[in-house]
C-alpha atoms as a PDB file:
ATOM      1  CA  UNK A   1     -14.950 -16.019 -26.459  1.00  0.00           C
ATOM      2  CA  UNK A   2     -15.059 -12.601 -24.849  1.00  0.00           C
ATOM      3  CA  UNK A   3     -15.444 -14.053 -21.345  1.00  0.00           C
ATOM      4  CA  UNK A   4     -12.418 -16.286 -21.959  1.00  0.00           C
ATOM      5  CA  UNK A   5     -10.334 -13.248 -22.912  1.00  0.00           C
ATOM      6  CA  UNK A   6     -11.456 -11.405 -19.766  1.00  0.00           C
ATOM      7  CA  UNK A   7     -10.550 -14.442 -17.667  1.00  0.00           C
ATOM      8  CA  UNK A   8      -7.139 -14.668 -19.345  1.00  0.00           C
ATOM      9  CA  UNK A   9      -6.555 -10.954 -18.783  1.00  0.00           C
ATOM     10  CA  UNK A  10      -7.377 -11.265 -15.068  1.00  0.00           C
ATOM     11  CA  UNK A  11      -5.043 -14.254 -14.701  1.00  0.00           C
ATOM     12  CA  UNK A  12      -2.204 -12.374 -16.381  1.00  0.00           C
ATOM     13  CA  UNK A  13      -2.812  -9.316 -14.182  1.00  0.00           C
ATOM     14  CA  UNK A  14      -2.594 -11.517 -11.092  1.00  0.00           C
ATOM     15  CA  UNK A  15       0.641 -13.126 -12.270  1.00  0.00           C
ATOM     16  CA  UNK A  16       2.243  -9.763 -13.047  1.00  0.00           C
ATOM     17  CA  UNK A  17       1.125  -8.406  -9.676  1.00  0.00           C
ATOM     18  CA  UNK A  18       2.628 -11.362  -7.804  1.00  0.00           C
ATOM     19  CA  UNK A  19       5.913 -11.155  -9.702  1.00  0.00           C
ATOM     20  CA  UNK A  20       6.249  -7.424  -9.079  1.00  0.00           C
ATOM     21  CA  UNK A  21       5.429  -7.889  -5.370  1.00  0.00           C
ATOM     22  CA  UNK A  22       8.085 -10.621  -5.134  1.00  0.00           C
ATOM     23  CA  UNK A  23      10.772  -8.426  -6.654  1.00  0.00           C
ATOM     24  CA  UNK A  24       9.697  -5.455  -4.524  1.00  0.00           C
ATOM     25  CA  UNK A  25      10.025  -7.545  -1.365  1.00  0.00           C
ATOM     26  CA  UNK A  26      13.356  -8.979  -2.452  1.00  0.00           C
ATOM     27  CA  UNK A  27      14.960  -5.704  -3.562  1.00  0.00           C
ATOM     28  CA  UNK A  28      13.492  -3.107  -1.217  1.00  0.00           C
ATOM     29  CA  UNK A  29      12.357  -4.683   2.015  1.00  0.00           C
ATOM     30  CA  UNK A  30      15.170  -7.186   2.498  1.00  0.00           C
ATOM     31  CA  UNK A  31      17.920  -4.601   1.945  1.00  0.00           C
ATOM     32  CA  UNK A  32      17.358  -3.154   5.409  1.00  0.00           C
ATOM     33  CA  UNK A  33      19.992  -4.139   7.925  1.00  0.00           C
ATOM     34  CA  UNK A  34      18.444  -6.111  10.747  1.00  0.00           C
ATOM     35  CA  UNK A  35      20.866  -4.788  13.381  1.00  0.00           C
ATOM     36  CA  UNK A  36      22.878  -1.595  13.184  1.00  0.00           C
ATOM     37  CA  UNK A  37      26.584  -2.161  12.743  1.00  0.00           C
ATOM     38  CA  UNK A  38      28.880  -1.252  15.599  1.00  0.00           C
ATOM     39  CA  UNK A  39      32.449  -0.131  15.175  1.00  0.00           C
ATOM     40  CA  UNK A  40      34.980  -2.734  16.142  1.00  0.00           C
ATOM     41  CA  UNK A  41      36.467  -2.058  19.527  1.00  0.00           C
ATOM     42  CA  UNK A  42      40.210  -1.927  19.568  1.00  0.00           C
ATOM     43  CA  UNK A  43      41.954  -4.132  22.069  1.00  0.00           C
ATOM     44  CA  UNK A  44      44.173  -2.904  24.889  1.00  0.00           C
ATOM     45  CA  UNK A  45      43.800  -0.070  27.316  1.00  0.00           C
ATOM     46  CA  UNK A  46      44.089   3.542  26.280  1.00  0.00           C
ATOM     47  CA  UNK A  47      45.392   6.204  28.598  1.00  0.00           C
ATOM     48  CA  UNK A  48      45.099   9.873  27.785  1.00  0.00           C
ATOM     49  CA  UNK A  49      48.291  11.649  28.952  1.00  0.00           C
END
């Protein structure tokens, strides 16, 4: 009985670890922008006078 409880505890620890790693990847690592945003260039020519 005791070995079954240890086995169950290890399985639950693995499940919790995988779930927390999934949410960490989703919330922290994927929030990074892949390319930096550039400002939109305005059309037309600009002359400084």
